[in-house]
N, C-alpha and C. Protein backbone atom coordinates (compact mmCIF):
# COMPACT_ATOMS: atom_id res chain seq x y z
N MET A 1 -71.51 -124.80 -48.28
CA MET A 1 -71.49 -126.15 -48.80
C MET A 1 -70.04 -126.53 -49.12
N ILE A 2 -69.66 -127.72 -48.75
CA ILE A 2 -68.32 -128.21 -48.99
C ILE A 2 -68.25 -128.79 -50.39
N ALA A 3 -67.30 -128.31 -51.20
CA ALA A 3 -67.16 -128.82 -52.56
C ALA A 3 -66.82 -130.30 -52.53
N GLY A 4 -67.47 -131.06 -53.35
CA GLY A 4 -67.20 -132.48 -53.45
C GLY A 4 -67.98 -133.33 -52.46
N ARG A 5 -68.73 -132.71 -51.58
CA ARG A 5 -69.52 -133.48 -50.62
C ARG A 5 -70.82 -133.90 -51.30
N PRO A 6 -71.09 -135.19 -51.42
CA PRO A 6 -72.25 -135.62 -52.18
C PRO A 6 -73.59 -135.26 -51.56
N ARG A 7 -73.71 -135.20 -50.25
CA ARG A 7 -74.99 -134.88 -49.62
C ARG A 7 -74.75 -133.96 -48.42
N PRO A 8 -74.78 -132.65 -48.65
CA PRO A 8 -74.59 -131.72 -47.52
C PRO A 8 -75.63 -131.93 -46.43
N ARG A 9 -75.28 -131.56 -45.21
CA ARG A 9 -76.15 -131.78 -44.06
C ARG A 9 -76.83 -130.50 -43.60
N PHE A 10 -77.91 -130.69 -42.86
CA PHE A 10 -78.62 -129.59 -42.21
C PHE A 10 -78.89 -130.02 -40.78
N ALA A 11 -78.62 -129.15 -39.83
CA ALA A 11 -78.94 -129.41 -38.42
C ALA A 11 -79.24 -128.08 -37.75
N GLU A 12 -80.36 -128.03 -37.05
CA GLU A 12 -80.77 -126.79 -36.40
C GLU A 12 -81.59 -127.13 -35.15
N LYS A 13 -81.25 -126.47 -34.04
CA LYS A 13 -82.03 -126.60 -32.82
C LYS A 13 -83.31 -125.81 -33.02
N CYS A 14 -84.45 -126.37 -32.59
CA CYS A 14 -85.76 -125.80 -32.90
C CYS A 14 -86.41 -125.11 -31.72
N ASP A 15 -87.34 -124.23 -32.07
CA ASP A 15 -88.23 -123.63 -31.09
C ASP A 15 -89.46 -124.51 -30.99
N GLY A 16 -89.89 -124.84 -29.77
CA GLY A 16 -91.11 -125.61 -29.59
C GLY A 16 -90.85 -127.10 -29.50
N SER A 17 -91.95 -127.85 -29.45
CA SER A 17 -91.88 -129.31 -29.32
C SER A 17 -91.76 -129.96 -30.71
N ARG A 18 -91.55 -131.26 -30.67
CA ARG A 18 -91.45 -132.03 -31.92
C ARG A 18 -92.75 -131.91 -32.71
N ASP A 19 -93.87 -132.03 -32.03
CA ASP A 19 -95.16 -131.92 -32.71
C ASP A 19 -95.38 -130.52 -33.28
N ASP A 20 -94.91 -129.48 -32.56
CA ASP A 20 -95.02 -128.11 -33.07
C ASP A 20 -94.26 -127.95 -34.38
N VAL A 21 -93.06 -128.51 -34.43
CA VAL A 21 -92.23 -128.39 -35.63
C VAL A 21 -92.90 -129.09 -36.82
N VAL A 22 -93.43 -130.29 -36.58
CA VAL A 22 -94.10 -131.03 -37.66
C VAL A 22 -95.35 -130.27 -38.13
N LYS A 23 -96.10 -129.69 -37.19
CA LYS A 23 -97.29 -128.90 -37.56
C LYS A 23 -96.89 -127.67 -38.37
N ARG A 24 -95.80 -127.00 -37.97
CA ARG A 24 -95.33 -125.84 -38.74
C ARG A 24 -94.93 -126.26 -40.14
N ALA A 25 -94.30 -127.44 -40.26
CA ALA A 25 -93.92 -127.93 -41.58
C ALA A 25 -95.16 -128.18 -42.44
N ARG A 26 -96.19 -128.79 -41.85
CA ARG A 26 -97.43 -129.03 -42.61
C ARG A 26 -98.05 -127.70 -43.05
N ASP A 27 -98.07 -126.72 -42.15
CA ASP A 27 -98.63 -125.41 -42.48
C ASP A 27 -97.82 -124.74 -43.59
N PHE A 28 -96.50 -124.85 -43.51
CA PHE A 28 -95.63 -124.24 -44.51
C PHE A 28 -95.87 -124.87 -45.88
N ILE A 29 -95.93 -126.20 -45.91
CA ILE A 29 -96.13 -126.92 -47.17
C ILE A 29 -97.50 -126.60 -47.77
N ALA A 30 -98.51 -126.46 -46.90
CA ALA A 30 -99.88 -126.22 -47.37
C ALA A 30 -100.11 -124.78 -47.84
N HIS A 31 -99.23 -123.86 -47.47
CA HIS A 31 -99.43 -122.45 -47.83
C HIS A 31 -99.33 -122.29 -49.35
N PRO A 32 -100.27 -121.57 -49.97
CA PRO A 32 -100.26 -121.47 -51.45
C PRO A 32 -99.08 -120.69 -52.03
N ASP A 33 -98.47 -119.81 -51.27
CA ASP A 33 -97.36 -119.00 -51.78
C ASP A 33 -95.99 -119.52 -51.37
N THR A 34 -95.92 -120.74 -50.88
CA THR A 34 -94.64 -121.28 -50.41
C THR A 34 -93.69 -121.55 -51.58
N SER A 35 -92.41 -121.52 -51.28
CA SER A 35 -91.38 -121.76 -52.29
C SER A 35 -91.06 -123.25 -52.44
N CYS A 36 -91.68 -124.07 -51.58
CA CYS A 36 -91.37 -125.50 -51.56
C CYS A 36 -92.65 -126.32 -51.50
N GLN A 37 -92.49 -127.58 -51.79
CA GLN A 37 -93.56 -128.54 -51.58
C GLN A 37 -92.97 -129.68 -50.78
N GLY A 38 -93.82 -130.54 -50.28
CA GLY A 38 -93.27 -131.65 -49.51
C GLY A 38 -94.34 -132.43 -48.81
N MET A 39 -93.89 -133.19 -47.80
CA MET A 39 -94.79 -134.01 -47.02
C MET A 39 -94.18 -134.27 -45.65
N THR A 40 -95.03 -134.66 -44.71
CA THR A 40 -94.56 -135.00 -43.37
C THR A 40 -95.15 -136.35 -42.97
N ALA A 41 -94.42 -137.05 -42.14
CA ALA A 41 -94.89 -138.34 -41.62
C ALA A 41 -94.09 -138.70 -40.38
N ARG A 42 -94.77 -138.79 -39.24
CA ARG A 42 -94.15 -139.27 -37.99
C ARG A 42 -92.79 -138.64 -37.69
N GLY A 43 -92.72 -137.36 -37.67
CA GLY A 43 -91.47 -136.70 -37.34
C GLY A 43 -90.47 -136.63 -38.48
N HIS A 44 -90.91 -136.95 -39.65
CA HIS A 44 -90.04 -136.87 -40.83
C HIS A 44 -90.64 -135.86 -41.79
N ILE A 45 -89.79 -135.00 -42.32
CA ILE A 45 -90.23 -133.95 -43.25
C ILE A 45 -89.41 -134.08 -44.52
N ILE A 46 -90.06 -134.05 -45.67
CA ILE A 46 -89.37 -134.04 -46.95
C ILE A 46 -89.77 -132.76 -47.66
N LEU A 47 -88.79 -131.93 -47.97
CA LEU A 47 -89.02 -130.69 -48.70
C LEU A 47 -88.38 -130.80 -50.08
N SER A 48 -89.08 -130.29 -51.08
CA SER A 48 -88.51 -130.23 -52.43
C SER A 48 -88.96 -128.94 -53.10
N ILE A 49 -88.35 -128.66 -54.21
CA ILE A 49 -88.67 -127.46 -54.99
C ILE A 49 -90.02 -127.67 -55.68
N THR A 50 -90.79 -126.60 -55.82
CA THR A 50 -92.09 -126.71 -56.48
C THR A 50 -91.93 -127.22 -57.91
N ASP A 51 -92.97 -127.85 -58.42
CA ASP A 51 -92.92 -128.44 -59.76
C ASP A 51 -92.55 -127.43 -60.84
N SER A 52 -93.04 -126.20 -60.70
CA SER A 52 -92.78 -125.18 -61.73
C SER A 52 -91.31 -124.77 -61.79
N GLU A 53 -90.56 -124.98 -60.70
CA GLU A 53 -89.14 -124.59 -60.64
C GLU A 53 -88.19 -125.79 -60.68
N ARG A 54 -88.72 -127.00 -60.72
CA ARG A 54 -87.88 -128.20 -60.61
C ARG A 54 -87.16 -128.50 -61.91
N HIS A 55 -85.91 -128.93 -61.77
CA HIS A 55 -85.06 -129.39 -62.88
C HIS A 55 -84.49 -130.75 -62.51
N VAL A 56 -83.77 -131.36 -63.40
CA VAL A 56 -83.14 -132.65 -63.11
C VAL A 56 -82.22 -132.53 -61.91
N TRP A 57 -81.53 -131.41 -61.76
CA TRP A 57 -80.55 -131.24 -60.69
C TRP A 57 -81.16 -130.68 -59.40
N SER A 58 -82.47 -130.48 -59.37
CA SER A 58 -83.10 -129.90 -58.18
C SER A 58 -82.98 -130.84 -56.98
N PRO A 59 -82.63 -130.27 -55.83
CA PRO A 59 -82.42 -131.08 -54.63
C PRO A 59 -83.71 -131.34 -53.86
N THR A 60 -83.62 -132.26 -52.93
CA THR A 60 -84.64 -132.46 -51.91
C THR A 60 -83.94 -132.35 -50.56
N LEU A 61 -84.71 -132.10 -49.53
CA LEU A 61 -84.17 -132.04 -48.17
C LEU A 61 -84.98 -132.99 -47.32
N ASP A 62 -84.35 -134.05 -46.85
CA ASP A 62 -84.99 -135.05 -45.98
C ASP A 62 -84.61 -134.72 -44.54
N LEU A 63 -85.61 -134.42 -43.72
CA LEU A 63 -85.37 -133.99 -42.35
C LEU A 63 -86.02 -134.94 -41.35
N ASP A 64 -85.35 -135.17 -40.24
CA ASP A 64 -85.92 -135.87 -39.10
C ASP A 64 -86.01 -134.89 -37.96
N VAL A 65 -87.16 -134.88 -37.28
CA VAL A 65 -87.34 -134.04 -36.10
C VAL A 65 -87.10 -134.94 -34.90
N ARG A 66 -86.06 -134.61 -34.11
CA ARG A 66 -85.65 -135.49 -33.02
C ARG A 66 -85.62 -134.73 -31.69
N GLU A 67 -86.03 -135.41 -30.64
CA GLU A 67 -85.86 -134.89 -29.29
C GLU A 67 -84.57 -135.46 -28.76
N GLU A 68 -83.65 -134.58 -28.40
CA GLU A 68 -82.36 -135.00 -27.83
C GLU A 68 -82.20 -134.28 -26.52
N GLY A 69 -82.42 -135.02 -25.43
CA GLY A 69 -82.41 -134.39 -24.11
C GLY A 69 -83.64 -133.52 -23.97
N ASP A 70 -83.42 -132.26 -23.59
CA ASP A 70 -84.55 -131.35 -23.47
C ASP A 70 -84.67 -130.42 -24.68
N ALA A 71 -83.96 -130.74 -25.75
CA ALA A 71 -83.99 -129.91 -26.96
C ALA A 71 -84.60 -130.70 -28.13
N VAL A 72 -85.15 -129.95 -29.07
CA VAL A 72 -85.68 -130.54 -30.30
C VAL A 72 -84.79 -130.09 -31.45
N TRP A 73 -84.36 -131.04 -32.24
CA TRP A 73 -83.48 -130.76 -33.38
C TRP A 73 -84.13 -131.20 -34.67
N VAL A 74 -83.87 -130.45 -35.72
CA VAL A 74 -84.21 -130.86 -37.08
C VAL A 74 -82.88 -131.17 -37.75
N LYS A 75 -82.71 -132.42 -38.17
CA LYS A 75 -81.46 -132.85 -38.80
C LYS A 75 -81.79 -133.57 -40.10
N GLY A 76 -80.97 -133.33 -41.10
CA GLY A 76 -81.20 -134.02 -42.37
C GLY A 76 -80.11 -133.79 -43.38
N ARG A 77 -80.39 -134.24 -44.58
CA ARG A 77 -79.43 -134.14 -45.68
C ARG A 77 -80.11 -133.65 -46.94
N PHE A 78 -79.35 -132.88 -47.69
CA PHE A 78 -79.77 -132.48 -49.03
C PHE A 78 -79.33 -133.58 -49.98
N GLY A 79 -80.11 -133.80 -51.00
CA GLY A 79 -79.73 -134.79 -51.99
C GLY A 79 -80.56 -134.62 -53.24
N PRO A 80 -80.22 -135.37 -54.26
CA PRO A 80 -81.02 -135.31 -55.49
C PRO A 80 -82.36 -136.00 -55.28
N SER A 81 -83.23 -135.85 -56.25
CA SER A 81 -84.51 -136.57 -56.17
C SER A 81 -84.23 -138.07 -56.15
N PRO A 82 -85.15 -138.86 -55.61
CA PRO A 82 -84.90 -140.31 -55.52
C PRO A 82 -84.58 -140.97 -56.87
N THR A 83 -85.20 -140.51 -57.95
CA THR A 83 -84.90 -141.13 -59.25
C THR A 83 -83.48 -140.82 -59.71
N VAL A 84 -83.05 -139.59 -59.50
CA VAL A 84 -81.67 -139.22 -59.87
C VAL A 84 -80.68 -139.95 -58.97
N TRP A 85 -80.99 -140.04 -57.67
CA TRP A 85 -80.11 -140.73 -56.72
C TRP A 85 -79.95 -142.19 -57.15
N THR A 86 -81.05 -142.85 -57.49
CA THR A 86 -81.01 -144.24 -57.91
C THR A 86 -80.20 -144.41 -59.19
N PHE A 87 -80.37 -143.48 -60.13
CA PHE A 87 -79.60 -143.52 -61.37
C PHE A 87 -78.11 -143.47 -61.08
N PHE A 88 -77.68 -142.53 -60.23
CA PHE A 88 -76.26 -142.40 -59.94
C PHE A 88 -75.71 -143.61 -59.19
N VAL A 89 -76.49 -144.17 -58.29
CA VAL A 89 -76.05 -145.39 -57.60
C VAL A 89 -75.83 -146.51 -58.62
N ALA A 90 -76.76 -146.65 -59.57
CA ALA A 90 -76.61 -147.67 -60.60
C ALA A 90 -75.38 -147.42 -61.47
N VAL A 91 -75.14 -146.16 -61.83
CA VAL A 91 -73.96 -145.83 -62.64
C VAL A 91 -72.68 -146.13 -61.86
N TYR A 92 -72.62 -145.72 -60.58
CA TYR A 92 -71.43 -145.99 -59.77
C TYR A 92 -71.20 -147.50 -59.62
N ALA A 93 -72.28 -148.26 -59.41
CA ALA A 93 -72.15 -149.71 -59.26
C ALA A 93 -71.64 -150.35 -60.55
N THR A 94 -72.18 -149.92 -61.69
CA THR A 94 -71.76 -150.46 -62.98
C THR A 94 -70.29 -150.14 -63.26
N CYS A 95 -69.90 -148.90 -62.98
CA CYS A 95 -68.50 -148.49 -63.20
C CYS A 95 -67.56 -149.26 -62.28
N THR A 96 -67.96 -149.44 -61.03
CA THR A 96 -67.14 -150.20 -60.09
C THR A 96 -67.00 -151.65 -60.55
N PHE A 97 -68.11 -152.24 -60.96
CA PHE A 97 -68.07 -153.62 -61.47
C PHE A 97 -67.15 -153.73 -62.68
N ALA A 98 -67.28 -152.79 -63.62
CA ALA A 98 -66.43 -152.83 -64.83
C ALA A 98 -64.96 -152.69 -64.47
N THR A 99 -64.66 -151.82 -63.53
CA THR A 99 -63.27 -151.62 -63.13
C THR A 99 -62.70 -152.89 -62.50
N ILE A 100 -63.46 -153.47 -61.57
CA ILE A 100 -62.98 -154.69 -60.91
C ILE A 100 -62.89 -155.85 -61.91
N ALA A 101 -63.89 -156.00 -62.76
CA ALA A 101 -63.86 -157.08 -63.76
C ALA A 101 -62.68 -156.90 -64.70
N GLY A 102 -62.40 -155.67 -65.11
CA GLY A 102 -61.25 -155.41 -65.97
C GLY A 102 -59.94 -155.77 -65.31
N LEU A 103 -59.82 -155.44 -64.01
CA LEU A 103 -58.59 -155.78 -63.28
C LEU A 103 -58.44 -157.29 -63.10
N VAL A 104 -59.54 -157.99 -62.83
CA VAL A 104 -59.49 -159.45 -62.70
C VAL A 104 -59.11 -160.08 -64.04
N LEU A 105 -59.75 -159.59 -65.11
CA LEU A 105 -59.43 -160.10 -66.45
C LEU A 105 -57.96 -159.84 -66.79
N ALA A 106 -57.49 -158.64 -66.52
CA ALA A 106 -56.09 -158.31 -66.81
C ALA A 106 -55.14 -159.18 -66.00
N SER A 107 -55.51 -159.46 -64.76
CA SER A 107 -54.68 -160.33 -63.92
C SER A 107 -54.62 -161.74 -64.49
N ALA A 108 -55.76 -162.25 -64.93
CA ALA A 108 -55.79 -163.59 -65.54
C ALA A 108 -54.99 -163.61 -66.84
N GLN A 109 -55.12 -162.53 -67.62
CA GLN A 109 -54.38 -162.46 -68.89
C GLN A 109 -52.88 -162.41 -68.63
N ALA A 110 -52.47 -161.66 -67.62
CA ALA A 110 -51.05 -161.58 -67.30
C ALA A 110 -50.51 -162.92 -66.79
N THR A 111 -51.35 -163.63 -66.03
CA THR A 111 -50.95 -164.92 -65.49
C THR A 111 -50.68 -165.95 -66.59
N ILE A 112 -51.51 -165.92 -67.64
CA ILE A 112 -51.29 -166.90 -68.72
C ILE A 112 -50.36 -166.36 -69.80
N GLY A 113 -49.85 -165.16 -69.60
CA GLY A 113 -48.86 -164.61 -70.51
C GLY A 113 -49.44 -163.99 -71.77
N GLY A 114 -50.72 -163.67 -71.76
CA GLY A 114 -51.35 -163.07 -72.94
C GLY A 114 -51.31 -161.56 -72.90
N SER A 115 -51.95 -160.99 -73.89
CA SER A 115 -52.08 -159.53 -73.95
C SER A 115 -53.02 -159.08 -72.81
N VAL A 116 -52.65 -158.01 -72.14
CA VAL A 116 -53.40 -157.56 -70.95
C VAL A 116 -54.38 -156.45 -71.33
N TRP A 117 -55.28 -156.74 -72.28
CA TRP A 117 -56.22 -155.72 -72.72
C TRP A 117 -57.34 -155.47 -71.71
N GLY A 118 -57.45 -156.30 -70.68
CA GLY A 118 -58.43 -156.09 -69.62
C GLY A 118 -58.21 -154.78 -68.87
N LEU A 119 -56.97 -154.27 -68.92
CA LEU A 119 -56.69 -152.98 -68.27
C LEU A 119 -57.48 -151.84 -68.94
N TRP A 120 -57.76 -152.00 -70.24
CA TRP A 120 -58.56 -150.97 -70.93
C TRP A 120 -59.98 -150.92 -70.37
N ILE A 121 -60.52 -152.09 -70.03
CA ILE A 121 -61.85 -152.13 -69.42
C ILE A 121 -61.81 -151.46 -68.05
N ALA A 122 -60.78 -151.77 -67.27
CA ALA A 122 -60.64 -151.16 -65.95
C ALA A 122 -60.49 -149.65 -66.06
N LEU A 123 -59.70 -149.21 -67.03
CA LEU A 123 -59.52 -147.78 -67.24
C LEU A 123 -60.83 -147.10 -67.66
N ALA A 124 -61.57 -147.76 -68.54
CA ALA A 124 -62.87 -147.20 -68.97
C ALA A 124 -63.84 -147.10 -67.80
N GLY A 125 -63.88 -148.13 -66.95
CA GLY A 125 -64.76 -148.10 -65.78
C GLY A 125 -64.38 -147.00 -64.81
N ALA A 126 -63.08 -146.85 -64.55
CA ALA A 126 -62.62 -145.81 -63.64
C ALA A 126 -62.87 -144.41 -64.22
N THR A 127 -62.68 -144.27 -65.51
CA THR A 127 -62.93 -142.98 -66.17
C THR A 127 -64.41 -142.62 -66.12
N ALA A 128 -65.27 -143.60 -66.40
CA ALA A 128 -66.72 -143.37 -66.35
C ALA A 128 -67.16 -143.01 -64.93
N PHE A 129 -66.55 -143.65 -63.93
CA PHE A 129 -66.86 -143.32 -62.53
C PHE A 129 -66.49 -141.86 -62.25
N GLY A 130 -65.30 -141.45 -62.69
CA GLY A 130 -64.87 -140.06 -62.50
C GLY A 130 -65.79 -139.08 -63.21
N LEU A 131 -66.23 -139.43 -64.42
CA LEU A 131 -67.15 -138.55 -65.15
C LEU A 131 -68.50 -138.45 -64.45
N ALA A 132 -68.98 -139.56 -63.88
CA ALA A 132 -70.25 -139.54 -63.14
C ALA A 132 -70.10 -138.68 -61.88
N TRP A 133 -68.97 -138.79 -61.21
CA TRP A 133 -68.72 -137.95 -60.03
C TRP A 133 -68.70 -136.47 -60.42
N ALA A 134 -68.04 -136.16 -61.53
CA ALA A 134 -68.01 -134.77 -62.01
C ALA A 134 -69.41 -134.28 -62.37
N ALA A 135 -70.22 -135.14 -62.98
CA ALA A 135 -71.59 -134.76 -63.32
C ALA A 135 -72.39 -134.48 -62.04
N ALA A 136 -72.17 -135.27 -60.99
CA ALA A 136 -72.85 -135.03 -59.72
C ALA A 136 -72.44 -133.68 -59.14
N LEU A 137 -71.17 -133.33 -59.23
CA LEU A 137 -70.71 -132.03 -58.73
C LEU A 137 -71.29 -130.88 -59.55
N VAL A 138 -71.39 -131.05 -60.86
CA VAL A 138 -72.00 -130.02 -61.72
C VAL A 138 -73.47 -129.84 -61.33
N GLY A 139 -74.18 -130.95 -61.11
CA GLY A 139 -75.58 -130.86 -60.70
C GLY A 139 -75.74 -130.20 -59.35
N GLN A 140 -74.84 -130.53 -58.43
CA GLN A 140 -74.89 -129.91 -57.10
C GLN A 140 -74.63 -128.41 -57.19
N THR A 141 -73.70 -128.02 -58.04
CA THR A 141 -73.42 -126.60 -58.23
C THR A 141 -74.60 -125.90 -58.89
N ALA A 142 -75.20 -126.54 -59.89
CA ALA A 142 -76.36 -125.95 -60.57
C ALA A 142 -77.54 -125.81 -59.63
N GLY A 143 -77.66 -126.71 -58.65
CA GLY A 143 -78.77 -126.66 -57.71
C GLY A 143 -78.49 -125.89 -56.44
N HIS A 144 -77.35 -125.18 -56.38
CA HIS A 144 -76.96 -124.49 -55.14
C HIS A 144 -78.02 -123.47 -54.68
N ASP A 145 -78.55 -122.68 -55.60
CA ASP A 145 -79.57 -121.69 -55.21
C ASP A 145 -80.80 -122.38 -54.64
N GLN A 146 -81.16 -123.52 -55.22
CA GLN A 146 -82.31 -124.24 -54.71
C GLN A 146 -82.02 -124.89 -53.36
N ILE A 147 -80.77 -125.29 -53.14
CA ILE A 147 -80.38 -125.79 -51.81
C ILE A 147 -80.58 -124.68 -50.78
N GLU A 148 -80.18 -123.47 -51.14
CA GLU A 148 -80.36 -122.35 -50.21
C GLU A 148 -81.84 -122.04 -49.98
N THR A 149 -82.68 -122.21 -51.00
CA THR A 149 -84.13 -122.04 -50.83
C THR A 149 -84.67 -123.06 -49.83
N LEU A 150 -84.25 -124.31 -49.97
CA LEU A 150 -84.70 -125.36 -49.05
C LEU A 150 -84.15 -125.12 -47.64
N ARG A 151 -82.90 -124.66 -47.55
CA ARG A 151 -82.29 -124.37 -46.24
C ARG A 151 -83.08 -123.25 -45.55
N ALA A 152 -83.44 -122.20 -46.29
CA ALA A 152 -84.21 -121.09 -45.72
C ALA A 152 -85.59 -121.57 -45.25
N ALA A 153 -86.23 -122.45 -46.02
CA ALA A 153 -87.52 -123.00 -45.64
C ALA A 153 -87.40 -123.81 -44.35
N ALA A 154 -86.36 -124.63 -44.25
CA ALA A 154 -86.16 -125.43 -43.04
C ALA A 154 -85.89 -124.54 -41.83
N MET A 155 -85.17 -123.45 -42.03
CA MET A 155 -84.91 -122.50 -40.94
C MET A 155 -86.22 -121.85 -40.48
N LYS A 156 -87.09 -121.49 -41.42
CA LYS A 156 -88.39 -120.91 -41.06
C LYS A 156 -89.21 -121.91 -40.23
N ILE A 157 -89.20 -123.16 -40.66
CA ILE A 157 -89.95 -124.19 -39.94
C ILE A 157 -89.36 -124.40 -38.55
N ALA A 158 -88.04 -124.47 -38.46
CA ALA A 158 -87.38 -124.71 -37.17
C ALA A 158 -87.61 -123.59 -36.17
N HIS A 159 -87.68 -122.36 -36.66
CA HIS A 159 -87.74 -121.20 -35.74
C HIS A 159 -89.08 -120.48 -35.77
N ASN A 160 -90.14 -121.18 -36.18
CA ASN A 160 -91.50 -120.65 -36.13
C ASN A 160 -91.63 -119.31 -36.87
N ARG A 161 -91.07 -119.25 -38.07
CA ARG A 161 -91.19 -118.04 -38.90
C ARG A 161 -92.04 -118.33 -40.13
N VAL A 162 -92.96 -119.27 -39.99
CA VAL A 162 -93.87 -119.62 -41.08
C VAL A 162 -94.99 -118.60 -41.09
N ASP A 163 -95.06 -117.82 -42.18
CA ASP A 163 -96.10 -116.79 -42.29
C ASP A 163 -96.55 -116.64 -43.73
N ALA A 164 -97.25 -115.59 -44.01
CA ALA A 164 -97.79 -115.39 -45.37
C ALA A 164 -96.72 -115.17 -46.42
N SER A 165 -95.52 -114.80 -46.02
CA SER A 165 -94.45 -114.55 -47.01
C SER A 165 -93.54 -115.74 -47.15
N SER A 166 -94.05 -116.94 -46.93
CA SER A 166 -93.25 -118.16 -47.00
C SER A 166 -92.69 -118.33 -48.38
């Protein structure tokens, strides 16, 4: 995993057809001893950590099963749960807005010759953005073992190694 990358990728050439891969994913998810839970729909697979092991920083793996030429590929990205992802998008948007608003305010204040306290708002927005980015990296680091669990599950599905020891 590359440090600082917000959503690491997964890509693997598969054994079998697209339908075979999706069926293996369904079988893997349905197995009672599996390390993951998830769902499939029309060539799309979503894997996540089981409820008993899930934390705020637990990742999900969104996969697309694609036919490219005469090969079948499973490609996707690791990311936080949708609620965490939405929270961070909202935080980044708010911080960006505050930074830009602070710079616009400071520019207007400088133009009329007043005190340029709008720079403090811009600085606070930029600092909050940096703290949110750092929090995302901490969460990604905390979830690294679970990313590897999801990666191993996807490899089993891609290479027809779905068995009783899933």
